[in-house]
Amino acid sequence: MRSSRQAWWRRHRSDPAESRVEADRTGSDKAGVTAEEVEELRNEIAELRHEADELRQRLKESEVRLGTVEDDSDDRGRTVDTLLEWCQEQEAVLAKHRDVVAAMGAAARLLETDLFAGEQVMDPLPPPPPPPSSP
C-alpha cells in the first residue's frame, strides 16, 4: 500500500515544468484531471479503509491471544505456588524424618558401644510364657 501512495505522490507533486503545462490547460482539461485525481483519492481512501479493517481484525486477534496467554500464565502461576507449598511441606516432613533417623542412629551407636564394652544395659528378655494347656 505504501508504494502506491508514494507513486501517487510522485505523479502529483509539484514540478515547475508541470505547473506551467497545467496552467496552459483549458478549463475542461482541468476538470478531467480533477475528476481523475478525485477517483484516485477515492481509491486510496478505499484502500486505507481496507487496511484499517485488516489492522482492527489483527488487533482483535492479538487481544484474544494475549488474553489466552494471560490466563495460561495465571494458571501456571497457581500451579507453581501449589508446587512450592507442597515442596515446603515435604521439606518439613523430611526434616522431621532426618531428626528421627539421627536420633535412632545415635541410640544404635550407644547400644552398640555399650554391648561391645561388655555392659548390658538391657535386661535379658524373659523366656516366653508356656503355651496354655488344653483341657
C-alpha atoms as a PDB file:
ATOM      1  CA  MET A   1       0.000   0.000   0.000  1.00  0.00           C
ATOM      2  CA  ARG A   2       2.754   2.388   0.877  1.00  0.00           C
ATOM      3  CA  SER A   3       4.309   2.102  -2.586  1.00  0.00           C
ATOM      4  CA  SER A   4       1.024   3.017  -4.299  1.00  0.00           C
ATOM      5  CA  ARG A   5       0.790   6.144  -2.145  1.00  0.00           C
ATOM      6  CA  GLN A   6       4.356   7.026  -2.922  1.00  0.00           C
ATOM      7  CA  ALA A   7       3.751   6.521  -6.636  1.00  0.00           C
ATOM      8  CA  TRP A   8       0.665   8.740  -6.465  1.00  0.00           C
ATOM      9  CA  TRP A   9       2.673  11.396  -4.614  1.00  0.00           C
ATOM     10  CA  ARG A  10       5.457  11.271  -7.191  1.00  0.00           C
ATOM     11  CA  ARG A  11       2.946  11.734 -10.005  1.00  0.00           C
ATOM     12  CA  HIS A  12       1.193  14.641  -8.292  1.00  0.00           C
ATOM     13  CA  ARG A  13       3.923  16.559  -6.514  1.00  0.00           C
ATOM     14  CA  SER A  14       4.509  19.970  -7.907  1.00  0.00           C
ATOM     15  CA  ASP A  15       7.175  20.291 -10.532  1.00  0.00           C
ATOM     16  CA  PRO A  16       7.818  23.739 -12.102  1.00  0.00           C
ATOM     17  CA  ALA A  17       7.592  22.360 -15.651  1.00  0.00           C
ATOM     18  CA  GLU A  18       4.345  20.543 -14.829  1.00  0.00           C
ATOM     19  CA  SER A  19       2.945  23.686 -13.205  1.00  0.00           C
ATOM     20  CA  ARG A  20       3.466  25.666 -16.398  1.00  0.00           C
ATOM     21  CA  VAL A  21       1.878  22.935 -18.515  1.00  0.00           C
ATOM     22  CA  GLU A  22      -1.013  22.747 -16.052  1.00  0.00           C
ATOM     23  CA  ALA A  23      -1.545  26.490 -16.267  1.00  0.00           C
ATOM     24  CA  ASP A  24      -1.800  26.253 -20.065  1.00  0.00           C
ATOM     25  CA  ARG A  25      -4.559  23.650 -19.997  1.00  0.00           C
ATOM     26  CA  THR A  26      -8.107  24.641 -20.714  1.00  0.00           C
ATOM     27  CA  GLY A  27     -10.863  24.539 -18.133  1.00  0.00           C
ATOM     28  CA  SER A  28     -12.271  21.253 -19.452  1.00  0.00           C
ATOM     29  CA  ASP A  29      -8.855  19.584 -19.170  1.00  0.00           C
ATOM     30  CA  LYS A  30      -8.576  20.771 -15.571  1.00  0.00           C
ATOM     31  CA  ALA A  31     -11.991  19.345 -14.787  1.00  0.00           C
ATOM     32  CA  GLY A  32     -10.943  15.997 -16.327  1.00  0.00           C
ATOM     33  CA  VAL A  33      -7.723  15.908 -14.374  1.00  0.00           C
ATOM     34  CA  THR A  34      -9.573  16.853 -11.215  1.00  0.00           C
ATOM     35  CA  ALA A  35     -12.060  14.014 -11.769  1.00  0.00           C
ATOM     36  CA  GLU A  36      -9.136  11.599 -12.240  1.00  0.00           C
ATOM     37  CA  GLU A  37      -7.472  12.862  -9.069  1.00  0.00           C
ATOM     38  CA  VAL A  38     -10.732  12.566  -7.160  1.00  0.00           C
ATOM     39  CA  GLU A  39     -11.120   8.973  -8.380  1.00  0.00           C
ATOM     40  CA  GLU A  40      -7.526   8.175  -7.364  1.00  0.00           C
ATOM     41  CA  LEU A  41      -8.143   9.710  -3.944  1.00  0.00           C
ATOM     42  CA  ARG A  42     -11.345   7.673  -3.559  1.00  0.00           C
ATOM     43  CA  ASN A  43      -9.437   4.526  -4.431  1.00  0.00           C
ATOM     44  CA  GLU A  44      -6.725   5.483  -1.954  1.00  0.00           C
ATOM     45  CA  ILE A  45      -9.349   6.070   0.742  1.00  0.00           C
ATOM     46  CA  ALA A  46     -10.918   2.676  -0.001  1.00  0.00           C
ATOM     47  CA  GLU A  47      -7.507   1.018   0.281  1.00  0.00           C
ATOM     48  CA  LEU A  48      -6.805   2.811   3.560  1.00  0.00           C
ATOM     49  CA  ARG A  49     -10.194   1.740   4.936  1.00  0.00           C
ATOM     50  CA  HIS A  50      -9.462  -1.826   3.918  1.00  0.00           C
ATOM     51  CA  GLU A  51      -6.058  -1.644   5.624  1.00  0.00           C
ATOM     52  CA  ALA A  52      -7.689  -0.178   8.751  1.00  0.00           C
ATOM     53  CA  ASP A  53     -10.230  -3.043   8.792  1.00  0.00           C
ATOM     54  CA  GLU A  54      -7.437  -5.591   8.483  1.00  0.00           C
ATOM     55  CA  LEU A  55      -5.488  -3.896  11.274  1.00  0.00           C
ATOM     56  CA  ARG A  56      -8.586  -3.862  13.503  1.00  0.00           C
ATOM     57  CA  GLN A  57      -9.078  -7.573  12.868  1.00  0.00           C
ATOM     58  CA  ARG A  58      -5.433  -8.319  13.637  1.00  0.00           C
ATOM     59  CA  LEU A  59      -5.715  -6.224  16.806  1.00  0.00           C
ATOM     60  CA  LYS A  60      -8.765  -8.229  17.928  1.00  0.00           C
ATOM     61  CA  GLU A  61      -6.936 -11.497  17.250  1.00  0.00           C
ATOM     62  CA  SER A  62      -3.907 -10.242  19.165  1.00  0.00           C
ATOM     63  CA  GLU A  63      -6.090  -9.240  22.107  1.00  0.00           C
ATOM     64  CA  VAL A  64      -7.621 -12.725  22.163  1.00  0.00           C
ATOM     65  CA  ARG A  65      -4.167 -14.346  22.055  1.00  0.00           C
ATOM     66  CA  LEU A  66      -2.956 -12.009  24.794  1.00  0.00           C
ATOM     67  CA  GLY A  67      -5.961 -12.930  26.944  1.00  0.00           C
ATOM     68  CA  THR A  68      -5.194 -16.618  26.434  1.00  0.00           C
ATOM     69  CA  VAL A  69      -1.545 -16.111  27.326  1.00  0.00           C
ATOM     70  CA  GLU A  70      -2.562 -14.154  30.418  1.00  0.00           C
ATOM     71  CA  ASP A  71      -4.953 -16.917  31.518  1.00  0.00           C
ATOM     72  CA  ASP A  72      -2.276 -19.554  30.914  1.00  0.00           C
ATOM     73  CA  SER A  73       0.288 -17.583  32.909  1.00  0.00           C
ATOM     74  CA  ASP A  74      -2.196 -17.196  35.788  1.00  0.00           C
ATOM     75  CA  ASP A  75      -2.814 -20.964  35.756  1.00  0.00           C
ATOM     76  CA  ARG A  76       0.904 -21.669  35.659  1.00  0.00           C
ATOM     77  CA  GLY A  77       1.486 -19.218  38.492  1.00  0.00           C
ATOM     78  CA  ARG A  78      -1.103 -21.001  40.646  1.00  0.00           C
ATOM     79  CA  THR A  79       0.477 -24.349  39.774  1.00  0.00           C
ATOM     80  CA  VAL A  80       3.939 -23.085  40.697  1.00  0.00           C
ATOM     81  CA  ASP A  81       2.615 -21.696  44.000  1.00  0.00           C
ATOM     82  CA  THR A  82       0.952 -25.042  44.778  1.00  0.00           C
ATOM     83  CA  LEU A  83       4.128 -26.961  43.943  1.00  0.00           C
ATOM     84  CA  LEU A  84       6.221 -24.604  46.053  1.00  0.00           C
ATOM     85  CA  GLU A  85       3.888 -25.054  49.016  1.00  0.00           C
ATOM     86  CA  TRP A  86       3.971 -28.845  48.562  1.00  0.00           C
ATOM     87  CA  CYS A  87       7.790 -28.800  48.388  1.00  0.00           C
ATOM     88  CA  GLN A  88       7.973 -26.791  51.600  1.00  0.00           C
ATOM     89  CA  GLU A  89       5.660 -29.277  53.327  1.00  0.00           C
ATOM     90  CA  GLN A  90       7.815 -32.167  52.093  1.00  0.00           C
ATOM     91  CA  GLU A  91      10.929 -30.393  53.316  1.00  0.00           C
ATOM     92  CA  ALA A  92       9.393 -30.083  56.801  1.00  0.00           C
ATOM     93  CA  VAL A  93       8.428 -33.779  56.769  1.00  0.00           C
ATOM     94  CA  LEU A  94      11.918 -34.761  55.633  1.00  0.00           C
ATOM     95  CA  ALA A  95      13.468 -32.608  58.353  1.00  0.00           C
ATOM     96  CA  LYS A  96      11.393 -34.462  60.977  1.00  0.00           C
ATOM     97  CA  HIS A  97      12.385 -37.818  59.486  1.00  0.00           C
ATOM     98  CA  ARG A  98      16.017 -36.742  59.395  1.00  0.00           C
ATOM     99  CA  ASP A  99      15.845 -35.851  63.101  1.00  0.00           C
ATOM    100  CA  VAL A 100      14.231 -39.210  63.921  1.00  0.00           C
ATOM    101  CA  VAL A 101      16.794 -41.116  61.865  1.00  0.00           C
ATOM    102  CA  ALA A 102      19.623 -39.180  63.506  1.00  0.00           C
ATOM    103  CA  ALA A 103      18.230 -39.972  66.967  1.00  0.00           C
ATOM    104  CA  MET A 104      17.855 -43.644  66.031  1.00  0.00           C
ATOM    105  CA  GLY A 105      21.413 -43.712  64.742  1.00  0.00           C
ATOM    106  CA  ALA A 106      22.712 -42.124  67.942  1.00  0.00           C
ATOM    107  CA  ALA A 107      20.751 -44.625  70.019  1.00  0.00           C
ATOM    108  CA  ALA A 108      22.064 -47.520  67.932  1.00  0.00           C
ATOM    109  CA  ARG A 109      25.636 -46.326  68.364  1.00  0.00           C
ATOM    110  CA  LEU A 110      25.162 -46.039  72.144  1.00  0.00           C
ATOM    111  CA  LEU A 111      23.725 -49.546  72.314  1.00  0.00           C
ATOM    112  CA  GLU A 112      26.486 -50.890  70.140  1.00  0.00           C
ATOM    113  CA  THR A 113      29.130 -49.206  72.257  1.00  0.00           C
ATOM    114  CA  ASP A 114      27.565 -50.451  75.500  1.00  0.00           C
ATOM    115  CA  LEU A 115      27.062 -54.010  74.206  1.00  0.00           C
ATOM    116  CA  PHE A 116      30.598 -54.337  72.860  1.00  0.00           C
ATOM    117  CA  ALA A 117      32.031 -52.852  76.046  1.00  0.00           C
ATOM    118  CA  GLY A 118      30.556 -55.773  77.966  1.00  0.00           C
ATOM    119  CA  GLU A 119      27.893 -53.798  79.645  1.00  0.00           C
ATOM    120  CA  GLN A 120      24.422 -54.977  79.087  1.00  0.00           C
ATOM    121  CA  VAL A 121      22.152 -52.059  79.547  1.00  0.00           C
ATOM    122  CA  MET A 122      19.077 -54.052  78.892  1.00  0.00           C
ATOM    123  CA  ASP A 123      17.925 -56.960  80.988  1.00  0.00           C
ATOM    124  CA  PRO A 124      17.786 -60.149  79.070  1.00  0.00           C
ATOM    125  CA  LEU A 125      14.387 -60.923  77.732  1.00  0.00           C
ATOM    126  CA  PRO A 126      12.398 -63.310  79.929  1.00  0.00           C
ATOM    127  CA  PRO A 127      11.586 -66.637  78.356  1.00  0.00           C
ATOM    128  CA  PRO A 128       8.293 -66.750  76.516  1.00  0.00           C
ATOM    129  CA  PRO A 129       5.385 -67.973  78.631  1.00  0.00           C
ATOM    130  CA  PRO A 130       4.442 -71.626  78.251  1.00  0.00           C
ATOM    131  CA  PRO A 131       1.572 -72.337  75.902  1.00  0.00           C
ATOM    132  CA  PRO A 132      -1.756 -72.729  77.635  1.00  0.00           C
ATOM    133  CA  SER A 133      -2.651 -76.255  78.440  1.00  0.00           C
ATOM    134  CA  SER A 134      -5.510 -77.859  76.638  1.00  0.00           C
ATOM    135  CA  PRO A 135      -8.367 -79.233  78.837  1.00  0.00           C
END
